[in-house]
Amino acid sequence: MVVGSDISRYPNTPRPTCRGYLHKRTQSAILKGWRKRWFVLKHNGYLHYYKHKKDEGKCRPLEVTKLEGAEIGVDTSLGKPFVFKCIPQSRNRIFYFCATSNQEMKRWLEAMDKAVHP
């Protein structure tokens, strides 16, 4: 049982396909750089992210993005290792993510690819 998550309240809910911390590139007018965020990729193909792991199931996500039809892939343009990007089908923004290792990046890319092509 996962405490502090909707999974414990709804035991028949499928577990997320992928979850964990990633660094997300921030490009707002005020803040620039990388922010560590807790990401949850649900079985319905939606990527949720929270400020902290403990917020999952307790707070509304900071953002929810539909991955179906999105473009995903490794990105080397930022000169940083383990970076990958996601361009949702709406094309209204580009998400840049940074994993802690190549293995972690591959885990996320595989999970996202399944969400992109259900």
PDB file of N, CA and C in Angstrom:
ATOM      1  N   MET A   1       0.843  -1.181   0.000  1.00  0.00           N
ATOM      2  CA  MET A   1       0.000   0.000   0.000  1.00  0.00           C
ATOM      3  C   MET A   1       0.891   1.248   0.000  1.00  0.00           C
ATOM      4  N   VAL A   2       0.545   2.199  -0.821  1.00  0.00           N
ATOM      5  CA  VAL A   2       1.285   3.448  -0.903  1.00  0.00           C
ATOM      6  C   VAL A   2       0.539   4.487  -0.077  1.00  0.00           C
ATOM      7  N   VAL A   3       1.165   4.988   0.960  1.00  0.00           N
ATOM      8  CA  VAL A   3       0.526   5.976   1.828  1.00  0.00           C
ATOM      9  C   VAL A   3       0.601   7.345   1.174  1.00  0.00           C
ATOM     10  N   GLY A   4      -0.467   8.110   1.278  1.00  0.00           N
ATOM     11  CA  GLY A   4      -0.476   9.461   0.729  1.00  0.00           C
ATOM     12  C   GLY A   4      -0.685   9.505  -0.764  1.00  0.00           C
ATOM     13  N   SER A   5      -1.237   8.447  -1.311  1.00  0.00           N
ATOM     14  CA  SER A   5      -1.479   8.411  -2.745  1.00  0.00           C
ATOM     15  C   SER A   5      -2.904   7.950  -2.995  1.00  0.00           C
ATOM     16  N   ASP A   6      -3.443   8.312  -4.144  1.00  0.00           N
ATOM     17  CA  ASP A   6      -4.791   7.876  -4.488  1.00  0.00           C
ATOM     18  C   ASP A   6      -4.853   6.368  -4.697  1.00  0.00           C
ATOM     19  N   ILE A   7      -3.699   5.714  -4.851  1.00  0.00           N
ATOM     20  CA  ILE A   7      -3.662   4.269  -5.061  1.00  0.00           C
ATOM     21  C   ILE A   7      -4.218   3.543  -3.839  1.00  0.00           C
ATOM     22  N   SER A   8      -3.902   4.030  -2.636  1.00  0.00           N
ATOM     23  CA  SER A   8      -4.386   3.368  -1.434  1.00  0.00           C
ATOM     24  C   SER A   8      -5.897   3.530  -1.271  1.00  0.00           C
ATOM     25  N   ARG A   9      -6.422   4.623  -1.754  1.00  0.00           N
ATOM     26  CA  ARG A   9      -7.869   4.846  -1.658  1.00  0.00           C
ATOM     27  C   ARG A   9      -8.635   4.120  -2.752  1.00  0.00           C
ATOM     28  N   TYR A  10      -7.986   3.879  -3.884  1.00  0.00           N
ATOM     29  CA  TYR A  10      -8.621   3.213  -5.009  1.00  0.00           C
ATOM     30  C   TYR A  10      -7.750   2.030  -5.437  1.00  0.00           C
ATOM     31  N   PRO A  11      -7.856   0.889  -4.718  1.00  0.00           N
ATOM     32  CA  PRO A  11      -6.943  -0.226  -4.991  1.00  0.00           C
ATOM     33  C   PRO A  11      -7.045  -0.816  -6.397  1.00  0.00           C
ATOM     34  N   ASN A  12      -8.154  -0.608  -7.116  1.00  0.00           N
ATOM     35  CA  ASN A  12      -8.291  -1.148  -8.465  1.00  0.00           C
ATOM     36  C   ASN A  12      -7.708  -0.229  -9.539  1.00  0.00           C
ATOM     37  N   THR A  13      -7.214   0.932  -9.122  1.00  0.00           N
ATOM     38  CA  THR A  13      -6.597   1.866 -10.054  1.00  0.00           C
ATOM     39  C   THR A  13      -5.243   1.303 -10.490  1.00  0.00           C
ATOM     40  N   PRO A  14      -4.971   1.249 -11.800  1.00  0.00           N
ATOM     41  CA  PRO A  14      -3.658   0.728 -12.228  1.00  0.00           C
ATOM     42  C   PRO A  14      -2.531   1.615 -11.726  1.00  0.00           C
ATOM     43  N   ARG A  15      -1.432   0.991 -11.373  1.00  0.00           N
ATOM     44  CA  ARG A  15      -0.266   1.759 -10.921  1.00  0.00           C
ATOM     45  C   ARG A  15       0.269   2.574 -12.098  1.00  0.00           C
ATOM     46  N   PRO A  16       0.853   3.747 -11.828  1.00  0.00           N
ATOM     47  CA  PRO A  16       1.433   4.537 -12.921  1.00  0.00           C
ATOM     48  C   PRO A  16       2.486   3.726 -13.676  1.00  0.00           C
ATOM     49  N   THR A  17       2.646   4.007 -14.950  1.00  0.00           N
ATOM     50  CA  THR A  17       3.613   3.263 -15.747  1.00  0.00           C
ATOM     51  C   THR A  17       5.038   3.688 -15.419  1.00  0.00           C
ATOM     52  N   CYS A  18       5.206   4.922 -14.970  1.00  0.00           N
ATOM     53  CA  CYS A  18       6.547   5.418 -14.636  1.00  0.00           C
ATOM     54  C   CYS A  18       6.385   6.583 -13.670  1.00  0.00           C
ATOM     55  N   ARG A  19       7.281   6.645 -12.692  1.00  0.00           N
ATOM     56  CA  ARG A  19       7.268   7.777 -11.762  1.00  0.00           C
ATOM     57  C   ARG A  19       8.669   7.978 -11.222  1.00  0.00           C
ATOM     58  N   GLY A  20       8.976   9.217 -10.890  1.00  0.00           N
ATOM     59  CA  GLY A  20      10.283   9.516 -10.323  1.00  0.00           C
ATOM     60  C   GLY A  20      10.648  10.978 -10.511  1.00  0.00           C
ATOM     61  N   TYR A  21      11.769  11.328  -9.926  1.00  0.00           N
ATOM     62  CA  TYR A  21      12.248  12.703 -10.042  1.00  0.00           C
ATOM     63  C   TYR A  21      12.998  12.896 -11.356  1.00  0.00           C
ATOM     64  N   LEU A  22      12.724  14.012 -11.998  1.00  0.00           N
ATOM     65  CA  LEU A  22      13.463  14.482 -13.164  1.00  0.00           C
ATOM     66  C   LEU A  22      13.695  15.971 -12.959  1.00  0.00           C
ATOM     67  N   HIS A  23      14.705  16.510 -13.611  1.00  0.00           N
ATOM     68  CA  HIS A  23      14.877  17.962 -13.630  1.00  0.00           C
ATOM     69  C   HIS A  23      14.191  18.472 -14.896  1.00  0.00           C
ATOM     70  N   LYS A  24      13.384  19.508 -14.727  1.00  0.00           N
ATOM     71  CA  LYS A  24      12.639  20.102 -15.835  1.00  0.00           C
ATOM     72  C   LYS A  24      13.207  21.492 -16.083  1.00  0.00           C
ATOM     73  N   ARG A  25      13.453  21.788 -17.345  1.00  0.00           N
ATOM     74  CA  ARG A  25      13.992  23.112 -17.680  1.00  0.00           C
ATOM     75  C   ARG A  25      12.898  24.164 -17.540  1.00  0.00           C
ATOM     76  N   THR A  26      13.232  25.213 -16.835  1.00  0.00           N
ATOM     77  CA  THR A  26      12.313  26.328 -16.623  1.00  0.00           C
ATOM     78  C   THR A  26      12.719  27.463 -17.542  1.00  0.00           C
ATOM     79  N   GLN A  27      11.742  27.994 -18.267  1.00  0.00           N
ATOM     80  CA  GLN A  27      12.057  29.054 -19.221  1.00  0.00           C
ATOM     81  C   GLN A  27      11.160  30.272 -19.055  1.00  0.00           C
ATOM     82  N   SER A  28      10.667  30.483 -17.841  1.00  0.00           N
ATOM     83  CA  SER A  28       9.797  31.645 -17.633  1.00  0.00           C
ATOM     84  C   SER A  28      10.624  32.927 -17.693  1.00  0.00           C
ATOM     85  N   ALA A  29       9.946  34.036 -17.765  1.00  0.00           N
ATOM     86  CA  ALA A  29      10.630  35.325 -17.867  1.00  0.00           C
ATOM     87  C   ALA A  29      11.460  35.618 -16.611  1.00  0.00           C
ATOM     88  N   ILE A  30      11.004  35.113 -15.463  1.00  0.00           N
ATOM     89  CA  ILE A  30      11.684  35.397 -14.196  1.00  0.00           C
ATOM     90  C   ILE A  30      12.721  34.331 -13.860  1.00  0.00           C
ATOM     91  N   LEU A  31      12.317  33.045 -13.963  1.00  0.00           N
ATOM     92  CA  LEU A  31      13.198  31.940 -13.589  1.00  0.00           C
ATOM     93  C   LEU A  31      13.726  31.213 -14.815  1.00  0.00           C
ATOM     94  N   LYS A  32      15.014  30.989 -14.819  1.00  0.00           N
ATOM     95  CA  LYS A  32      15.617  30.178 -15.874  1.00  0.00           C
ATOM     96  C   LYS A  32      16.509  29.152 -15.190  1.00  0.00           C
ATOM     97  N   GLY A  33      16.583  27.959 -15.778  1.00  0.00           N
ATOM     98  CA  GLY A  33      17.416  26.926 -15.181  1.00  0.00           C
ATOM     99  C   GLY A  33      16.668  25.615 -15.086  1.00  0.00           C
ATOM    100  N   TRP A  34      17.092  24.747 -14.172  1.00  0.00           N
ATOM    101  CA  TRP A  34      16.517  23.419 -14.013  1.00  0.00           C
ATOM    102  C   TRP A  34      15.910  23.276 -12.635  1.00  0.00           C
ATOM    103  N   ARG A  35      14.710  22.725 -12.560  1.00  0.00           N
ATOM    104  CA  ARG A  35      14.014  22.500 -11.297  1.00  0.00           C
ATOM    105  C   ARG A  35      13.714  21.009 -11.144  1.00  0.00           C
ATOM    106  N   LYS A  36      14.016  20.478  -9.986  1.00  0.00           N
ATOM    107  CA  LYS A  36      13.723  19.075  -9.695  1.00  0.00           C
ATOM    108  C   LYS A  36      12.232  18.943  -9.403  1.00  0.00           C
ATOM    109  N   ARG A  37      11.569  18.041 -10.127  1.00  0.00           N
ATOM    110  CA  ARG A  37      10.135  17.836  -9.968  1.00  0.00           C
ATOM    111  C   ARG A  37       9.820  16.342  -9.949  1.00  0.00           C
ATOM    112  N   TRP A  38       8.728  15.968  -9.302  1.00  0.00           N
ATOM    113  CA  TRP A  38       8.266  14.583  -9.225  1.00  0.00           C
ATOM    114  C   TRP A  38       7.287  14.343 -10.369  1.00  0.00           C
ATOM    115  N   PHE A  39       7.618  13.411 -11.261  1.00  0.00           N
ATOM    116  CA  PHE A  39       6.789  13.120 -12.427  1.00  0.00           C
ATOM    117  C   PHE A  39       6.100  11.777 -12.285  1.00  0.00           C
ATOM    118  N   VAL A  40       4.853  11.730 -12.756  1.00  0.00           N
ATOM    119  CA  VAL A  40       4.064  10.503 -12.743  1.00  0.00           C
ATOM    120  C   VAL A  40       3.423  10.358 -14.117  1.00  0.00           C
ATOM    121  N   LEU A  41       3.770   9.284 -14.810  1.00  0.00           N
ATOM    122  CA  LEU A  41       3.155   8.982 -16.101  1.00  0.00           C
ATOM    123  C   LEU A  41       2.076   7.943 -15.865  1.00  0.00           C
ATOM    124  N   LYS A  42       0.839   8.334 -16.093  1.00  0.00           N
ATOM    125  CA  LYS A  42      -0.307   7.455 -15.821  1.00  0.00           C
ATOM    126  C   LYS A  42      -0.594   6.553 -17.024  1.00  0.00           C
ATOM    127  N   HIS A  43      -1.364   5.478 -16.764  1.00  0.00           N
ATOM    128  CA  HIS A  43      -1.722   4.525 -17.820  1.00  0.00           C
ATOM    129  C   HIS A  43      -2.547   5.163 -18.934  1.00  0.00           C
ATOM    130  N   ASN A  44      -3.232   6.259 -18.627  1.00  0.00           N
ATOM    131  CA  ASN A  44      -4.053   6.915 -19.647  1.00  0.00           C
ATOM    132  C   ASN A  44      -3.227   7.812 -20.571  1.00  0.00           C
ATOM    133  N   GLY A  45      -1.892   7.816 -20.392  1.00  0.00           N
ATOM    134  CA  GLY A  45      -1.026   8.585 -21.277  1.00  0.00           C
ATOM    135  C   GLY A  45      -0.828  10.032 -20.878  1.00  0.00           C
ATOM    136  N   TYR A  46      -1.256  10.386 -19.666  1.00  0.00           N
ATOM    137  CA  TYR A  46      -1.077  11.759 -19.187  1.00  0.00           C
ATOM    138  C   TYR A  46       0.105  11.822 -18.231  1.00  0.00           C
ATOM    139  N   LEU A  47       0.958  12.823 -18.425  1.00  0.00           N
ATOM    140  CA  LEU A  47       2.115  13.051 -17.573  1.00  0.00           C
ATOM    141  C   LEU A  47       1.763  14.153 -16.573  1.00  0.00           C
ATOM    142  N   HIS A  48       1.831  13.810 -15.303  1.00  0.00           N
ATOM    143  CA  HIS A  48       1.549  14.753 -14.221  1.00  0.00           C
ATOM    144  C   HIS A  48       2.881  15.104 -13.571  1.00  0.00           C
ATOM    145  N   TYR A  49       3.001  16.343 -13.094  1.00  0.00           N
ATOM    146  CA  TYR A  49       4.180  16.606 -12.274  1.00  0.00           C
ATOM    147  C   TYR A  49       3.828  17.494 -11.091  1.00  0.00           C
ATOM    148  N   TYR A  50       4.615  17.252 -10.038  1.00  0.00           N
ATOM    149  CA  TYR A  50       4.410  17.887  -8.744  1.00  0.00           C
ATOM    150  C   TYR A  50       5.732  18.484  -8.284  1.00  0.00           C
ATOM    151  N   LYS A  51       5.641  19.383  -7.326  1.00  0.00           N
ATOM    152  CA  LYS A  51       6.854  19.977  -6.781  1.00  0.00           C
ATOM    153  C   LYS A  51       7.660  18.921  -6.024  1.00  0.00           C
ATOM    154  N   HIS A  52       6.967  18.069  -5.231  1.00  0.00           N
ATOM    155  CA  HIS A  52       7.631  17.052  -4.418  1.00  0.00           C
ATOM    156  C   HIS A  52       6.894  15.723  -4.520  1.00  0.00           C
ATOM    157  N   LYS A  53       7.588  14.637  -4.233  1.00  0.00           N
ATOM    158  CA  LYS A  53       7.003  13.296  -4.239  1.00  0.00           C
ATOM    159  C   LYS A  53       5.798  13.213  -3.302  1.00  0.00           C
ATOM    160  N   LYS A  54       5.911  13.840  -2.134  1.00  0.00           N
ATOM    161  CA  LYS A  54       4.839  13.775  -1.142  1.00  0.00           C
ATOM    162  C   LYS A  54       3.544  14.459  -1.600  1.00  0.00           C
ATOM    163  N   ASP A  55       3.627  15.278  -2.631  1.00  0.00           N
ATOM    164  CA  ASP A  55       2.440  15.985  -3.127  1.00  0.00           C
ATOM    165  C   ASP A  55       1.520  15.090  -3.963  1.00  0.00           C
ATOM    166  N   GLU A  56       2.064  14.000  -4.503  1.00  0.00           N
ATOM    167  CA  GLU A  56       1.264  13.094  -5.341  1.00  0.00           C
ATOM    168  C   GLU A  56       0.120  12.520  -4.512  1.00  0.00           C
ATOM    169  N   GLY A  57      -1.095  12.679  -5.004  1.00  0.00           N
ATOM    170  CA  GLY A  57      -2.269  12.171  -4.308  1.00  0.00           C
ATOM    171  C   GLY A  57      -2.811  13.108  -3.240  1.00  0.00           C
ATOM    172  N   LYS A  58      -2.041  14.140  -2.893  1.00  0.00           N
ATOM    173  CA  LYS A  58      -2.489  15.094  -1.871  1.00  0.00           C
ATOM    174  C   LYS A  58      -2.795  16.468  -2.459  1.00  0.00           C
ATOM    175  N   CYS A  59      -2.030  16.846  -3.461  1.00  0.00           N
ATOM    176  CA  CYS A  59      -2.192  18.167  -4.096  1.00  0.00           C
ATOM    177  C   CYS A  59      -2.501  17.970  -5.575  1.00  0.00           C
ATOM    178  N   ARG A  60      -3.048  19.013  -6.156  1.00  0.00           N
ATOM    179  CA  ARG A  60      -3.244  18.972  -7.610  1.00  0.00           C
ATOM    180  C   ARG A  60      -1.874  19.068  -8.269  1.00  0.00           C
ATOM    181  N   PRO A  61      -1.703  18.396  -9.413  1.00  0.00           N
ATOM    182  CA  PRO A  61      -0.411  18.500 -10.103  1.00  0.00           C
ATOM    183  C   PRO A  61      -0.160  19.928 -10.575  1.00  0.00           C
ATOM    184  N   LEU A  62       1.103  20.294 -10.702  1.00  0.00           N
ATOM    185  CA  LEU A  62       1.453  21.618 -11.237  1.00  0.00           C
ATOM    186  C   LEU A  62       1.028  21.720 -12.687  1.00  0.00           C
ATOM    187  N   GLU A  63       1.100  20.578 -13.380  1.00  0.00           N
ATOM    188  CA  GLU A  63       0.663  20.548 -14.783  1.00  0.00           C
ATOM    189  C   GLU A  63       0.373  19.109 -15.174  1.00  0.00           C
ATOM    190  N   VAL A  64      -0.530  18.948 -16.134  1.00  0.00           N
ATOM    191  CA  VAL A  64      -0.864  17.638 -16.703  1.00  0.00           C
ATOM    192  C   VAL A  64      -0.766  17.785 -18.212  1.00  0.00           C
ATOM    193  N   THR A  65      -0.024  16.886 -18.845  1.00  0.00           N
ATOM    194  CA  THR A  65       0.180  16.951 -20.288  1.00  0.00           C
ATOM    195  C   THR A  65      -0.166  15.618 -20.927  1.00  0.00           C
ATOM    196  N   LYS A  66      -0.943  15.668 -21.999  1.00  0.00           N
ATOM    197  CA  LYS A  66      -1.293  14.464 -22.757  1.00  0.00           C
ATOM    198  C   LYS A  66      -0.121  14.134 -23.688  1.00  0.00           C
ATOM    199  N   LEU A  67       0.364  12.884 -23.604  1.00  0.00           N
ATOM    200  CA  LEU A  67       1.519  12.500 -24.414  1.00  0.00           C
ATOM    201  C   LEU A  67       1.155  11.863 -25.748  1.00  0.00           C
ATOM    202  N   GLU A  68      -0.081  11.407 -25.912  1.00  0.00           N
ATOM    203  CA  GLU A  68      -0.464  10.754 -27.166  1.00  0.00           C
ATOM    204  C   GLU A  68      -0.176  11.682 -28.344  1.00  0.00           C
ATOM    205  N   GLY A  69       0.574  11.173 -29.323  1.00  0.00           N
ATOM    206  CA  GLY A  69       0.900  11.955 -30.504  1.00  0.00           C
ATOM    207  C   GLY A  69       2.060  12.914 -30.334  1.00  0.00           C
ATOM    208  N   ALA A  70       2.661  12.960 -29.149  1.00  0.00           N
ATOM    209  CA  ALA A  70       3.778  13.880 -28.903  1.00  0.00           C
ATOM    210  C   ALA A  70       5.052  13.373 -29.576  1.00  0.00           C
ATOM    211  N   GLU A  71       5.999  14.283 -29.742  1.00  0.00           N
ATOM    212  CA  GLU A  71       7.326  13.914 -30.234  1.00  0.00           C
ATOM    213  C   GLU A  71       8.241  13.852 -29.016  1.00  0.00           C
ATOM    214  N   ILE A  72       8.949  12.741 -28.861  1.00  0.00           N
ATOM    215  CA  ILE A  72       9.896  12.627 -27.756  1.00  0.00           C
ATOM    216  C   ILE A  72      11.226  12.133 -28.286  1.00  0.00           C
ATOM    217  N   GLY A  73      12.291  12.474 -27.597  1.00  0.00           N
ATOM    218  CA  GLY A  73      13.602  11.983 -28.012  1.00  0.00           C
ATOM    219  C   GLY A  73      14.729  12.643 -27.250  1.00  0.00           C
ATOM    220  N   VAL A  74      15.905  12.081 -27.398  1.00  0.00           N
ATOM    221  CA  VAL A  74      17.110  12.603 -26.761  1.00  0.00           C
ATOM    222  C   VAL A  74      17.420  13.967 -27.358  1.00  0.00           C
ATOM    223  N   ASP A  75      17.934  14.873 -26.539  1.00  0.00           N
ATOM    224  CA  ASP A  75      18.279  16.212 -27.016  1.00  0.00           C
ATOM    225  C   ASP A  75      19.711  16.530 -26.595  1.00  0.00           C
ATOM    226  N   THR A  76      20.549  16.854 -27.570  1.00  0.00           N
ATOM    227  CA  THR A  76      21.947  17.184 -27.273  1.00  0.00           C
ATOM    228  C   THR A  76      22.225  18.680 -27.428  1.00  0.00           C
ATOM    229  N   SER A  77      21.217  19.461 -27.790  1.00  0.00           N
ATOM    230  CA  SER A  77      21.427  20.886 -28.081  1.00  0.00           C
ATOM    231  C   SER A  77      21.783  21.714 -26.848  1.00  0.00           C
ATOM    232  N   LEU A  78      21.490  21.217 -25.655  1.00  0.00           N
ATOM    233  CA  LEU A  78      21.738  22.000 -24.449  1.00  0.00           C
ATOM    234  C   LEU A  78      23.100  21.711 -23.822  1.00  0.00           C
ATOM    235  N   GLY A  79      23.839  20.765 -24.408  1.00  0.00           N
ATOM    236  CA  GLY A  79      25.183  20.464 -23.926  1.00  0.00           C
ATOM    237  C   GLY A  79      25.223  19.838 -22.543  1.00  0.00           C
ATOM    238  N   LYS A  80      24.173  19.142 -22.179  1.00  0.00           N
ATOM    239  CA  LYS A  80      24.064  18.532 -20.851  1.00  0.00           C
ATOM    240  C   LYS A  80      23.729  17.054 -21.072  1.00  0.00           C
ATOM    241  N   PRO A  81      24.319  16.140 -20.289  1.00  0.00           N
ATOM    242  CA  PRO A  81      24.010  14.713 -20.496  1.00  0.00           C
ATOM    243  C   PRO A  81      22.620  14.333 -19.987  1.00  0.00           C
ATOM    244  N   PHE A  82      22.072  13.267 -20.552  1.00  0.00           N
ATOM    245  CA  PHE A  82      20.807  12.652 -20.126  1.00  0.00           C
ATOM    246  C   PHE A  82      19.594  13.577 -20.290  1.00  0.00           C
ATOM    247  N   VAL A  83      19.644  14.456 -21.286  1.00  0.00           N
ATOM    248  CA  VAL A  83      18.539  15.372 -21.554  1.00  0.00           C
ATOM    249  C   VAL A  83      17.675  14.794 -22.671  1.00  0.00           C
ATOM    250  N   PHE A  84      16.368  14.874 -22.477  1.00  0.00           N
ATOM    251  CA  PHE A  84      15.427  14.492 -23.522  1.00  0.00           C
ATOM    252  C   PHE A  84      14.295  15.492 -23.533  1.00  0.00           C
ATOM    253  N   LYS A  85      13.606  15.544 -24.667  1.00  0.00           N
ATOM    254  CA  LYS A  85      12.544  16.545 -24.792  1.00  0.00           C
ATOM    255  C   LYS A  85      11.235  15.886 -25.188  1.00  0.00           C
ATOM    256  N   CYS A  86      10.178  16.611 -24.933  1.00  0.00           N
ATOM    257  CA  CYS A  86       8.834  16.176 -25.283  1.00  0.00           C
ATOM    258  C   CYS A  86       8.105  17.370 -25.871  1.00  0.00           C
ATOM    259  N   ILE A  87       7.586  17.175 -27.091  1.00  0.00           N
ATOM    260  CA  ILE A  87       6.792  18.225 -27.744  1.00  0.00           C
ATOM    261  C   ILE A  87       5.381  17.663 -27.884  1.00  0.00           C
ATOM    262  N   PRO A  88       4.449  18.089 -27.014  1.00  0.00           N
ATOM    263  CA  PRO A  88       3.072  17.594 -27.106  1.00  0.00           C
ATOM    264  C   PRO A  88       2.450  17.934 -28.455  1.00  0.00           C
ATOM    265  N   GLN A  89       1.440  17.170 -28.828  1.00  0.00           N
ATOM    266  CA  GLN A  89       0.777  17.349 -30.116  1.00  0.00           C
ATOM    267  C   GLN A  89       0.239  18.769 -30.286  1.00  0.00           C
ATOM    268  N   SER A  90      -0.158  19.404 -29.185  1.00  0.00           N
ATOM    269  CA  SER A  90      -0.674  20.777 -29.249  1.00  0.00           C
ATOM    270  C   SER A  90       0.404  21.766 -29.696  1.00  0.00           C
ATOM    271  N   ARG A  91       1.674  21.361 -29.535  1.00  0.00           N
ATOM    272  CA  ARG A  91       2.837  22.162 -29.930  1.00  0.00           C
ATOM    273  C   ARG A  91       2.896  23.537 -29.266  1.00  0.00           C
ATOM    274  N   ASN A  92       2.213  23.708 -28.139  1.00  0.00           N
ATOM    275  CA  ASN A  92       2.228  25.022 -27.496  1.00  0.00           C
ATOM    276  C   ASN A  92       3.472  25.237 -26.631  1.00  0.00           C
ATOM    277  N   ARG A  93       4.258  24.169 -26.400  1.00  0.00           N
ATOM    278  CA  ARG A  93       5.517  24.325 -25.676  1.00  0.00           C
ATOM    279  C   ARG A  93       6.370  23.077 -25.846  1.00  0.00           C
ATOM    280  N   ILE A  94       7.632  23.207 -25.465  1.00  0.00           N
ATOM    281  CA  ILE A  94       8.563  22.075 -25.484  1.00  0.00           C
ATOM    282  C   ILE A  94       9.020  21.850 -24.051  1.00  0.00           C
ATOM    283  N   PHE A  95       8.926  20.603 -23.604  1.00  0.00           N
ATOM    284  CA  PHE A  95       9.427  20.240 -22.285  1.00  0.00           C
ATOM    285  C   PHE A  95      10.818  19.648 -22.451  1.00  0.00           C
ATOM    286  N   TYR A  96      11.769  20.123 -21.662  1.00  0.00           N
ATOM    287  CA  TYR A  96      13.102  19.535 -21.601  1.00  0.00           C
ATOM    288  C   TYR A  96      13.262  18.899 -20.234  1.00  0.00           C
ATOM    289  N   PHE A  97      13.683  17.635 -20.224  1.00  0.00           N
ATOM    290  CA  PHE A  97      13.867  16.896 -18.983  1.00  0.00           C
ATOM    291  C   PHE A  97      15.315  16.438 -18.894  1.00  0.00           C
ATOM    292  N   CYS A  98      15.813  16.326 -17.676  1.00  0.00           N
ATOM    293  CA  CYS A  98      17.161  15.816 -17.457  1.00  0.00           C
ATOM    294  C   CYS A  98      17.087  14.713 -16.402  1.00  0.00           C
ATOM    295  N   ALA A  99      17.536  13.517 -16.781  1.00  0.00           N
ATOM    296  CA  ALA A  99      17.558  12.380 -15.860  1.00  0.00           C
ATOM    297  C   ALA A  99      18.922  12.334 -15.164  1.00  0.00           C
ATOM    298  N   THR A 100      19.026  11.474 -14.156  1.00  0.00           N
ATOM    299  CA  THR A 100      20.271  11.373 -13.394  1.00  0.00           C
ATOM    300  C   THR A 100      21.270  10.392 -14.021  1.00  0.00           C
ATOM    301  N   SER A 101      20.800   9.566 -14.958  1.00  0.00           N
ATOM    302  CA  SER A 101      21.684   8.595 -15.604  1.00  0.00           C
ATOM    303  C   SER A 101      21.114   8.224 -16.970  1.00  0.00           C
ATOM    304  N   ASN A 102      21.924   7.574 -17.773  1.00  0.00           N
ATOM    305  CA  ASN A 102      21.477   7.116 -19.076  1.00  0.00           C
ATOM    306  C   ASN A 102      20.375   6.066 -18.914  1.00  0.00           C
ATOM    307  N   GLN A 103      20.534   5.186 -17.934  1.00  0.00           N
ATOM    308  CA  GLN A 103      19.542   4.141 -17.669  1.00  0.00           C
ATOM    309  C   GLN A 103      18.191   4.760 -17.299  1.00  0.00           C
ATOM    310  N   GLU A 104      18.206   5.780 -16.447  1.00  0.00           N
ATOM    311  CA  GLU A 104      16.976   6.463 -16.038  1.00  0.00           C
ATOM    312  C   GLU A 104      16.330   7.167 -17.234  1.00  0.00           C
ATOM    313  N   MET A 105      17.143   7.790 -18.074  1.00  0.00           N
ATOM    314  CA  MET A 105      16.623   8.457 -19.265  1.00  0.00           C
ATOM    315  C   MET A 105      15.944   7.440 -20.183  1.00  0.00           C
ATOM    316  N   LYS A 106      16.583   6.276 -20.395  1.00  0.00           N
ATOM    317  CA  LYS A 106      16.000   5.240 -21.248  1.00  0.00           C
ATOM    318  C   LYS A 106      14.685   4.721 -20.673  1.00  0.00           C
ATOM    319  N   ARG A 107      14.615   4.577 -19.341  1.00  0.00           N
ATOM    320  CA  ARG A 107      13.387   4.113 -18.689  1.00  0.00           C
ATOM    321  C   ARG A 107      12.229   5.066 -18.989  1.00  0.00           C
ATOM    322  N   TRP A 108      12.499   6.368 -18.874  1.00  0.00           N
ATOM    323  CA  TRP A 108      11.456   7.358 -19.144  1.00  0.00           C
ATOM    324  C   TRP A 108      11.090   7.400 -20.632  1.00  0.00           C
ATOM    325  N   LEU A 109      12.081   7.337 -21.494  1.00  0.00           N
ATOM    326  CA  LEU A 109      11.807   7.388 -22.933  1.00  0.00           C
ATOM    327  C   LEU A 109      10.964   6.193 -23.375  1.00  0.00           C
ATOM    328  N   GLU A 110      11.260   5.013 -22.847  1.00  0.00           N
ATOM    329  CA  GLU A 110      10.463   3.820 -23.191  1.00  0.00           C
ATOM    330  C   GLU A 110       9.023   3.971 -22.718  1.00  0.00           C
ATOM    331  N   ALA A 111       8.843   4.424 -21.481  1.00  0.00           N
ATOM    332  CA  ALA A 111       7.494   4.600 -20.936  1.00  0.00           C
ATOM    333  C   ALA A 111       6.728   5.672 -21.708  1.00  0.00           C
ATOM    334  N   MET A 112       7.393   6.773 -22.023  1.00  0.00           N
ATOM    335  CA  MET A 112       6.744   7.859 -22.770  1.00  0.00           C
ATOM    336  C   MET A 112       6.399   7.413 -24.187  1.00  0.00           C
ATOM    337  N   ASP A 113       7.285   6.622 -24.794  1.00  0.00           N
ATOM    338  CA  ASP A 113       7.021   6.137 -26.147  1.00  0.00           C
ATOM    339  C   ASP A 113       5.736   5.303 -26.188  1.00  0.00           C
ATOM    340  N   LYS A 114       5.509   4.500 -25.158  1.00  0.00           N
ATOM    341  CA  LYS A 114       4.269   3.699 -25.089  1.00  0.00           C
ATOM    342  C   LYS A 114       3.041   4.609 -24.948  1.00  0.00           C
ATOM    343  N   ALA A 115       3.204   5.727 -24.242  1.00  0.00           N
ATOM    344  CA  ALA A 115       2.099   6.677 -24.077  1.00  0.00           C
ATOM    345  C   ALA A 115       1.840   7.461 -25.365  1.00  0.00           C
ATOM    346  N   VAL A 116       2.927   7.736 -26.114  1.00  0.00           N
ATOM    347  CA  VAL A 116       2.803   8.476 -27.364  1.00  0.00           C
ATOM    348  C   VAL A 116       2.088   7.647 -28.417  1.00  0.00           C
ATOM    349  N   HIS A 117       2.365   6.323 -28.431  1.00  0.00           N
ATOM    350  CA  HIS A 117       1.776   5.402 -29.404  1.00  0.00           C
ATOM    351  C   HIS A 117       0.978   4.319 -28.672  1.00  0.00           C
ATOM    352  N   PRO A 118      -0.223   4.661 -28.155  1.00  0.00           N
ATOM    353  CA  PRO A 118      -0.969   3.683 -27.345  1.00  0.00           C
ATOM    354  C   PRO A 118      -1.455   2.483 -28.165  1.00  0.00           C
TER     355      PRO A 118
END
